[in-house]
Every structure is written in C-alpha cells, then in structure tokens.
Protein backbone atom coordinates (compact mmCIF):
# COMPACT_ATOMS: atom_id res chain seq x y z
CA MET A 1 103.48 46.84 38.82
CA VAL A 2 101.05 47.81 41.60
CA LEU A 3 102.04 51.48 41.52
CA LYS A 4 101.86 51.57 37.71
CA THR A 5 98.37 50.05 37.67
CA PHE A 6 96.91 51.77 40.71
CA GLY A 7 98.84 55.06 40.42
CA TRP A 8 95.91 57.03 39.04
CA SER A 9 93.60 55.55 41.67
CA PHE A 10 95.95 56.65 44.46
CA ALA A 11 96.19 60.13 42.94
CA ILE A 12 92.41 60.48 42.53
CA THR A 13 91.95 59.29 46.13
CA VAL A 14 94.23 62.01 47.48
CA LEU A 15 92.62 64.71 45.32
CA GLY A 16 89.12 63.49 46.17
CA LEU A 17 89.74 63.50 49.93
CA ILE A 18 91.32 66.97 49.76
CA ALA A 19 88.33 68.21 47.76
CA ALA A 20 85.99 66.72 50.37
CA VAL A 21 87.78 68.59 53.19
CA PHE A 22 87.56 71.89 51.31
CA TYR A 23 83.92 71.20 50.43
CA ASP A 24 82.52 70.40 53.88
CA GLY A 25 85.31 69.69 56.35
CA TRP A 26 86.38 66.47 58.04
CA THR A 27 82.86 65.06 58.14
CA ALA A 28 82.76 65.11 54.34
CA LEU A 29 86.15 63.36 54.22
CA GLY A 30 84.79 60.54 56.41
CA LEU A 31 81.67 60.17 54.27
CA VAL A 32 83.69 60.09 51.05
CA ALA A 33 85.98 57.39 52.50
CA ILE A 34 82.99 55.28 53.58
CA LEU A 35 81.34 55.61 50.15
CA ALA A 36 84.58 54.64 48.39
CA ILE A 37 84.96 51.49 50.54
CA MET A 38 81.29 50.60 49.97
CA GLU A 39 81.66 50.98 46.20
CA ILE A 40 84.78 48.78 46.10
CA SER A 41 83.18 46.04 48.23
CA LEU A 42 79.99 46.06 46.11
CA SER A 43 81.87 46.04 42.81
CA PHE A 44 84.70 43.55 43.34
CA ASP A 45 82.78 40.94 41.37
CA ASN A 46 82.41 43.55 38.64
CA ALA A 47 86.20 43.80 38.38
CA VAL A 48 86.57 40.02 38.02
CA VAL A 49 83.94 39.80 35.27
CA ASN A 50 85.33 42.87 33.49
CA ALA A 51 88.79 41.29 33.55
CA GLY A 52 87.46 38.23 31.76
CA ILE A 53 86.32 40.49 28.91
CA LEU A 54 89.15 43.01 29.00
CA LYS A 55 91.85 40.35 28.61
CA LYS A 56 90.55 39.77 25.07
CA MET A 57 91.25 43.41 24.17
CA ASN A 58 94.61 44.90 23.19
CA ALA A 59 96.62 47.46 25.18
CA PHE A 60 95.06 50.39 23.32
CA TRP A 61 91.52 49.46 24.31
CA GLN A 62 92.62 48.71 27.85
CA LYS A 63 93.86 52.32 28.00
CA ILE A 64 90.53 53.51 26.59
CA PHE A 65 88.80 51.51 29.33
CA LEU A 66 90.90 53.28 31.96
CA THR A 67 90.45 56.78 30.49
CA VAL A 68 87.25 57.29 28.55
CA GLY A 69 85.64 54.43 30.44
CA VAL A 70 86.45 56.03 33.77
CA LEU A 71 84.88 59.31 32.67
CA ILE A 72 81.71 57.43 31.76
CA ALA A 73 81.76 55.44 35.01
CA VAL A 74 82.58 58.29 37.39
CA PHE A 75 80.83 61.27 35.84
CA GLY A 76 78.22 59.44 33.80
CA MET A 77 76.91 56.84 36.23
CA ARG A 78 77.82 58.38 39.60
CA LEU A 79 76.93 62.01 38.86
CA VAL A 80 74.83 62.39 35.69
CA PHE A 81 72.78 59.17 35.97
CA PRO A 82 70.95 60.06 39.23
CA VAL A 83 70.14 63.51 37.84
CA VAL A 84 68.78 62.00 34.60
CA ILE A 85 66.66 59.54 36.60
CA VAL A 86 65.18 62.41 38.62
CA ALA A 87 64.54 64.46 35.48
CA ILE A 88 62.72 61.57 33.75
CA SER A 89 60.74 60.33 36.75
CA ALA A 90 59.71 63.82 37.89
CA LYS A 91 59.18 65.04 34.30
CA MET A 92 61.41 68.06 34.71
CA GLY A 93 64.26 69.58 32.76
CA PRO A 94 67.88 68.59 33.44
CA VAL A 95 68.76 72.10 34.70
CA GLU A 96 65.89 71.96 37.17
CA ALA A 97 66.99 68.48 38.29
CA VAL A 98 70.56 69.71 38.89
CA ASP A 99 69.21 72.68 40.86
CA LEU A 100 67.12 70.26 42.92
CA ALA A 101 70.15 68.06 43.62
CA PHE A 102 72.18 70.97 45.01
CA ASN A 103 69.49 73.03 46.73
CA GLN A 104 66.84 70.49 47.78
CA PRO A 105 68.79 67.28 48.55
CA ASN A 106 65.96 65.68 50.55
CA ARG A 107 63.49 66.11 47.68
CA TYR A 108 66.13 64.91 45.24
CA GLN A 109 66.76 61.79 47.35
CA GLN A 110 63.02 61.05 47.50
CA LEU A 111 62.67 61.25 43.71
CA VAL A 112 65.61 58.88 43.17
CA THR A 113 64.13 56.50 45.75
CA ASP A 114 60.77 56.62 43.97
CA ALA A 115 62.53 55.68 40.73
CA HIS A 116 64.20 52.66 42.37
CA PRO A 117 61.71 50.02 41.07
CA SER A 118 62.47 50.88 37.44
CA ILE A 119 66.23 51.06 38.12
CA ALA A 120 66.19 47.73 39.97
CA ALA A 121 64.13 46.03 37.25
CA PHE A 122 66.45 47.21 34.46
CA GLY A 123 69.70 46.38 36.26
CA GLY A 124 68.35 43.16 37.76
CA MET A 125 67.28 41.77 34.38
CA PHE A 126 70.56 42.72 32.70
CA LEU A 127 72.64 41.05 35.42
CA LEU A 128 70.30 38.04 35.60
CA MET A 129 70.86 37.39 31.89
CA ILE A 130 74.64 37.49 32.39
CA PHE A 131 74.35 34.94 35.19
CA LEU A 132 71.95 32.64 33.34
CA ASP A 133 73.99 32.59 30.13
CA PHE A 134 77.07 31.73 32.20
CA ILE A 135 75.60 28.82 34.18
CA PHE A 136 73.81 27.33 31.16
CA GLU A 137 77.05 27.13 29.16
CA ASP A 138 78.91 23.82 29.21
CA ARG A 139 82.46 24.51 30.44
CA ASP A 140 85.49 22.25 30.67
CA ILE A 141 86.28 23.54 34.14
CA LYS A 142 83.43 23.32 36.64
CA TRP A 143 83.49 24.75 40.15
CA LEU A 144 80.25 23.40 41.71
CA GLY A 145 79.97 20.39 39.44
CA TRP A 146 76.89 18.95 41.16
CA LEU A 147 75.02 22.09 40.11
CA GLU A 148 76.76 23.13 36.91
CA ARG A 149 76.59 19.75 35.13
CA PRO A 150 72.76 19.50 35.05
CA LEU A 151 72.43 23.21 34.30
CA ALA A 152 74.79 22.83 31.32
CA LYS A 153 72.53 20.08 29.97
CA LEU A 154 69.48 22.30 30.38
CA GLY A 155 71.37 25.05 28.58
CA LYS A 156 71.15 23.08 25.34
CA VAL A 157 67.52 24.26 25.10
CA ASP A 158 67.43 27.35 22.86
CA MET A 159 66.53 30.68 24.49
CA LEU A 160 66.11 29.06 27.91
CA SER A 161 67.82 31.93 29.72
CA VAL A 162 65.52 34.49 28.05
CA CYS A 163 62.43 32.47 29.00
CA ILE A 164 63.51 32.14 32.62
CA ALA A 165 64.38 35.84 32.83
CA LEU A 166 60.96 36.82 31.45
CA ILE A 167 59.23 34.48 33.90
CA VAL A 168 61.15 36.05 36.79
CA LEU A 169 60.22 39.54 35.56
CA LEU A 170 56.56 38.57 35.24
CA VAL A 171 56.54 37.16 38.78
CA CYS A 172 58.12 40.38 40.08
CA ALA A 173 55.60 42.55 38.25
CA LEU A 174 52.57 40.50 39.32
CA THR A 175 53.54 39.98 42.95
CA LEU A 176 56.21 42.30 44.31
CA ALA A 177 55.12 45.36 42.36
CA THR A 178 51.37 44.96 42.97
CA HIS A 179 51.54 45.06 46.75
CA ALA A 180 52.38 48.24 48.58
CA HIS A 181 55.45 48.10 50.74
CA GLN A 182 54.60 48.47 54.42
CA HIS A 183 56.60 51.70 54.44
CA GLY A 184 54.89 53.03 51.34
CA GLY A 185 57.87 52.51 49.02
CA VAL A 186 56.20 50.57 46.19
CA HIS A 187 52.64 50.90 44.89
CA ALA A 188 50.48 49.11 42.34
CA ASP A 189 51.06 51.80 39.71
CA LYS A 190 54.70 50.64 39.53
CA GLN A 191 53.66 47.36 37.89
CA SER A 192 53.85 48.64 34.31
CA THR A 193 57.04 50.56 35.12
CA VAL A 194 58.70 47.39 36.40
CA LEU A 195 57.62 45.43 33.32
CA ILE A 196 58.79 48.07 30.84
CA SER A 197 62.10 48.66 32.64
CA GLY A 198 62.76 44.94 32.97
CA VAL A 199 62.07 44.30 29.28
CA ALA A 200 64.34 47.26 28.44
CA GLY A 201 67.12 45.68 30.51
CA LEU A 202 66.64 42.37 28.71
CA ILE A 203 66.65 44.02 25.27
CA THR A 204 69.77 46.01 26.16
CA TYR A 205 71.57 42.82 27.13
CA LEU A 206 70.50 40.98 23.99
CA VAL A 207 71.46 43.85 21.67
CA VAL A 208 74.77 44.88 23.24
CA GLY A 209 75.79 41.33 24.21
CA GLY A 210 74.76 40.00 20.81
CA LEU A 211 76.75 42.62 18.92
CA SER A 212 79.73 42.06 21.18
CA SER A 213 79.64 38.29 20.59
CA PHE A 214 79.18 38.74 16.84
CA PHE A 215 82.17 41.01 16.42
CA GLU A 216 84.22 38.95 18.87
CA ASN A 217 83.64 35.89 16.67
CA ARG A 218 84.64 37.92 13.62
CA LEU A 219 87.80 39.00 15.44
CA GLU A 220 88.67 35.38 16.23
CA GLU A 221 88.10 34.37 12.59
CA GLU A 222 90.33 37.19 11.35
CA GLU A 223 93.03 36.22 13.85
CA GLU A 224 92.91 32.62 12.64
CA ARG A 225 93.20 33.73 9.01
CA GLU A 226 96.03 36.08 9.92
CA GLN A 227 97.87 33.31 11.76
CA GLU A 228 97.49 30.97 8.79
CA ALA A 229 98.76 33.71 6.43
CA GLU A 230 101.78 34.37 8.66
CA GLU A 231 102.61 30.65 8.83
CA LYS A 232 102.34 30.39 5.05
CA ALA A 233 104.52 33.50 4.57
CA ALA A 234 107.10 32.09 6.98
CA ARG A 235 107.25 28.82 5.04
CA GLU A 236 107.71 30.71 1.75
CA GLY A 237 110.25 33.11 3.23
CA LYS A 238 108.04 36.17 2.70
CA PRO A 239 107.68 39.04 5.19
CA LYS A 240 104.80 38.86 7.66
CA SER A 241 101.62 40.65 6.67
CA ALA A 242 100.22 43.47 8.76
CA VAL A 243 97.73 42.52 11.46
CA VAL A 244 94.19 43.69 10.69
CA LEU A 245 92.73 45.55 13.67
CA ALA A 246 89.10 44.60 14.32
CA GLY A 247 88.01 48.02 15.56
CA GLN A 248 84.31 47.15 15.54
CA ALA A 249 84.89 44.11 17.72
CA ALA A 250 86.87 46.07 20.28
CA PHE A 251 84.35 48.91 20.24
CA PHE A 252 81.34 46.69 20.94
CA MET A 253 83.22 44.80 23.64
CA PHE A 254 84.02 48.19 25.19
CA LEU A 255 80.35 49.19 24.91
CA TYR A 256 79.32 45.92 26.56
CA LEU A 257 81.77 46.62 29.41
CA GLU A 258 80.27 50.07 29.96
CA VAL A 259 76.68 48.75 30.09
CA LEU A 260 77.85 46.01 32.44
CA ASP A 261 79.53 48.58 34.70
CA ALA A 262 76.38 50.69 34.65
CA SER A 263 74.27 47.75 35.81
CA PHE A 264 76.71 47.06 38.63
CA SER A 265 76.66 50.70 39.72
CA PHE A 266 72.89 50.84 40.27
CA ASP A 267 73.02 49.31 43.75
CA GLY A 268 75.96 51.52 44.73
CA VAL A 269 74.20 54.72 43.64
CA ILE A 270 70.97 53.81 45.42
CA GLY A 271 72.83 52.55 48.49
CA ALA A 272 74.82 55.77 48.72
CA PHE A 273 71.65 57.63 49.70
CA ALA A 274 71.63 55.66 52.96
CA ILE A 275 74.88 57.47 53.80
CA THR A 276 74.38 60.92 52.28
CA ASN A 277 72.11 62.79 49.87
CA ASP A 278 74.77 65.36 48.99
CA ILE A 279 75.46 64.83 45.29
CA VAL A 280 79.01 66.21 45.49
CA ILE A 281 80.08 63.92 48.35
CA MET A 282 78.35 61.01 46.61
CA ALA A 283 80.16 61.64 43.32
CA LEU A 284 83.54 61.95 45.10
CA GLY A 285 83.16 58.76 47.13
CA LEU A 286 81.67 56.57 44.40
CA GLY A 287 84.11 58.02 41.86
CA ILE A 288 87.12 57.02 43.97
CA GLY A 289 85.66 53.53 44.38
CA ALA A 290 85.03 53.25 40.64
CA MET A 291 88.66 54.14 39.93
CA TYR A 292 89.92 51.28 42.12
CA VAL A 293 87.52 48.84 40.46
CA ARG A 294 88.88 49.88 37.05
CA SER A 295 92.49 49.58 38.17
CA LEU A 296 91.80 46.22 39.79
CA THR A 297 90.30 44.99 36.51
CA VAL A 298 93.47 45.88 34.60
CA TYR A 299 95.65 44.42 37.37
CA LEU A 300 93.82 41.07 37.16
CA VAL A 301 94.34 41.05 33.38
CA ARG A 302 98.05 41.90 33.46
CA GLN A 303 98.80 39.45 36.26
CA GLY A 304 96.91 36.65 34.53
CA THR A 305 94.99 36.07 37.75
CA LEU A 306 91.93 34.57 36.05
CA ASP A 307 94.14 32.00 34.31
CA ASP A 308 95.88 31.07 37.58
CA TYR A 309 92.74 31.01 39.74
CA VAL A 310 90.21 29.49 37.38
CA TYR A 311 87.23 29.48 39.75
CA LEU A 312 87.32 33.26 40.30
CA GLU A 313 85.20 33.88 37.23
CA HIS A 314 82.67 31.33 38.49
CA GLY A 315 82.49 33.01 41.89
CA ALA A 316 82.02 36.42 40.31
CA HIS A 317 79.15 35.20 38.14
CA TYR A 318 77.44 33.59 41.12
CA ALA A 319 77.84 36.95 42.86
CA ILE A 320 76.22 38.56 39.82
CA GLY A 321 73.31 36.14 40.13
CA ALA A 322 72.94 37.02 43.80
CA LEU A 323 73.06 40.74 43.02
CA ALA A 324 70.44 40.34 40.27
CA VAL A 325 68.08 38.58 42.69
CA ILE A 326 68.71 41.20 45.37
CA LEU A 327 67.97 44.05 42.95
CA LEU A 328 64.69 42.43 41.89
CA VAL A 329 63.70 41.73 45.51
CA THR A 330 64.39 45.36 46.44
CA ILE A 331 61.55 46.39 44.15
CA ARG A 332 59.42 45.69 47.20
CA TYR A 333 61.69 44.91 50.15
CA GLU A 334 64.61 46.85 51.58
CA ILE A 335 67.91 44.96 51.80
CA ASN A 336 70.93 46.44 53.54
CA GLU A 337 73.88 47.18 51.24
CA ILE A 338 76.21 45.44 53.70
CA ILE A 339 74.42 42.15 52.97
CA THR A 340 74.75 42.76 49.24
CA GLY A 341 78.46 43.44 49.52
CA LEU A 342 79.16 40.54 51.86
CA ILE A 343 77.46 37.98 49.60
CA GLY A 344 79.71 38.99 46.71
CA VAL A 345 82.86 39.00 48.83
CA VAL A 346 82.06 35.59 50.36
CA LEU A 347 81.37 33.96 46.98
CA ILE A 348 84.55 35.36 45.41
CA ALA A 349 86.66 34.45 48.46
CA TRP A 350 85.22 30.92 48.37
CA SER A 351 86.03 30.57 44.66
CA PHE A 352 89.54 31.94 45.25
CA PHE A 353 90.38 29.41 47.98
CA SER A 354 88.83 26.64 45.87
CA SER A 355 91.20 27.69 43.09
CA VAL A 356 94.18 27.62 45.47
CA ARG A 357 93.30 24.07 46.60
CA ARG A 358 92.88 23.02 42.96
CA ASN A 359 96.29 24.47 42.03
CA LYS A 360 97.97 22.65 44.92
CA ARG A 361 96.36 19.37 43.92
CA ILE A 362 97.37 19.76 40.26
CA ALA A 363 100.91 20.80 41.24
CA ALA A 364 101.21 17.69 43.38
CA GLU A 365 100.20 15.66 40.33
CA GLY A 366 102.79 17.43 38.18
CA GLY A 367 100.44 19.68 36.17
CA THR A 368 100.12 23.46 35.85
CA ALA A 369 97.62 25.86 37.42
CA GLY A 370 95.99 26.85 34.16
CA SER A 371 95.50 23.28 32.91
CA THR A 372 92.24 21.39 32.93
CA ASP A 373 92.09 18.63 35.49
CA LYS A 374 90.53 15.48 33.94
CA SER A 375 89.03 14.44 37.26
CA GLU A 376 87.58 17.93 37.52
CA VAL A 377 85.85 17.63 34.16
CA SER A 378 84.45 14.22 34.87
CA SER A 379 83.47 14.63 38.49
CA GLY A 380 82.87 18.39 38.56
CA VAL A 381 84.82 19.30 41.67
C-alpha cells in the first residue's frame, strides 16, 4: 500500500537528487534535500485538509489530482509562479523574467521579496476564510469544545466570516502596511497593494469555494436520487440504472483543491529564498516536497485515516488559521519558516493524540472509532 501510493514520490526523489548532483554537485543535493523537508513540514496540514476533500471524489479524479494536479503544483506554483510574480511586479515580459531568474538570481530574489506583501495578503485571506468557515460551522464532533461551541453559535450570523476577514484585512492595510519595516521591507505605498490583493484572495475563495459547494450539493442530490432509483428497481426486479457522473462537481472540487494548494505553497516559495535563490534548485526541492504531500493526501484517503482519527481535520484547520495569521503578519514582520512549520506540526500532532485517546475511551465503552461520542457532543471534549 505504501509503495503503491508513494512509489512516484520515491522515484521523483531519486531523479531530483541525481539531477541536483549533475546540476551543481553535492552542495545542490544538500540544498534540494533541505527544501524538500521544509516543504513537507510546512504542508502537512495541507495534506490533511486536501484528504477531507479528495475522499469525496472518485478514483478517476484522485488520479487526476496525482497527475495533472502535480504538474500544476510542481511546475505551476514552484517554478512558473515566482517568475510570473516577478514579471507582474517589475512590469517586464515573461522571457525577461526567466532570463533574470537564471542570470541575475540576486535581483530576481529581491523582486520576489518586494512582491511578498501582495502574495501574503492574497494567500492569508484565502486561508483565513477556510479557517473561519470551519470554526463557525456547528459540528457533531468537537475537539476544543470550550472554544468551538460558542463559535458555532456565532456562526449562525450570516456572512460573519466575510466580515471578520475584511476587518482583519483593513487592520493589516491601515497598520502593518502603512509603517515601514525597520529593515526597509514594507513601505506605505504597499497599502493599496495589500488591500487589492487581500480582496482578490477573498473573492477567489468565495467564487471557487461557492462553485465547489454548489456542485457538491448537486452531486449529493443526484446520488440520493440514484440510490432511490436503484432501490426501486431492486424491488421491482429491474436491472440497476447507470450511475450519472457529476463531472462539473468533481471539476470544481478539483479546482478548489488546486487553489487551496497554491495558497499553501506561498509560504514555502517565499521561505525557499532563505535557503537559495537558484530557481532550478528551488524547483527541484519544492517539487519533491509537493509530490510527498500529494501522495500523503491520497494515502490518508485510502487508509480512512480521517474517519479513524476524527480530530485530525480540526488540527489541520487550526494550523491553517495559524498560517493565515502568520502570512498576514509577515506583511510587515519577518517570521522564521521553522516557527511556521512547527506550529502546524504541533497542532496536528496534538489533534492526532487527542484522537487516539478518544478512540481508546470509546473502545473501552464498546463503541467504534468513527462513531460520535454523546458525551463529546454535549460536553465538547
């Protein structure tokens, strides 16, 4: 099972490390390995959240996620995205930006760093909306009940998450973006950039997330009708009808996954410049890491891990909230990528061990791991 799921990741790792040695020797191999580990540690929460969405998709779309999706993630976000950012921010052509990346890496790094406020605002708002919509939803299973119960009640207010996100963006634009960083990283002229980028991130979430939810609901309705038709046919002794594939639903869920992955990759791409400004080494290292995140997502789905360890999804969304805040704070302040990665790992590890304790308690009471504990619902363990 492990080899089948992670086989391509292992193969890409070997090829990537060999390519690094041929490109710039053993030093490049070490840098690629470090970047891959950094990407995996920063994106583990991404894998957990992706798994929650991917498990609703059939085997065909899971394969699309691992093939076409990987091309988008590795080449699109880890290689093309930084070049596009440089081209837009520096108002130059894509060919010139590519030439800059290969021949003037220091200048290239500076331009990407200058574009960080807009990147952080876009990604931070997108991830913040994911977190807010999660914590404001009333769920049968609660991890931190003392916090999630009152937040679920507040969530009954329409558009509350959008209002809070806009308030956070306004605060960032009026305070963080209006004061120059002591190292000269952020200036007052970034205020409008932060506002526009943040609103763009919010709109992207609402459009893509809204379409995904709409078609997902249509898919569920069609499945219910199909199940009723099959039950009726079985009672009448007729052959089962063909299952209607909701291609639009799967497509928009796939699109949502790709935008989600893009938002998660922002911190990894920016953080990679602290290790190297060589675009080839960066693409190799982050690409290898992205492959493992994809494989881990599929592994979690096929193993039913989220059903067995029910708090994992909670931990991942809290990690998303932390990452969103960190991205918005980095508009002005520098935060080490190690801190970003550790916060996510700690929250997910905490939720995992909480799930293990819950499963042991339910097993002792004669239940099953995936069941809802009544005391959990009422007391919010």
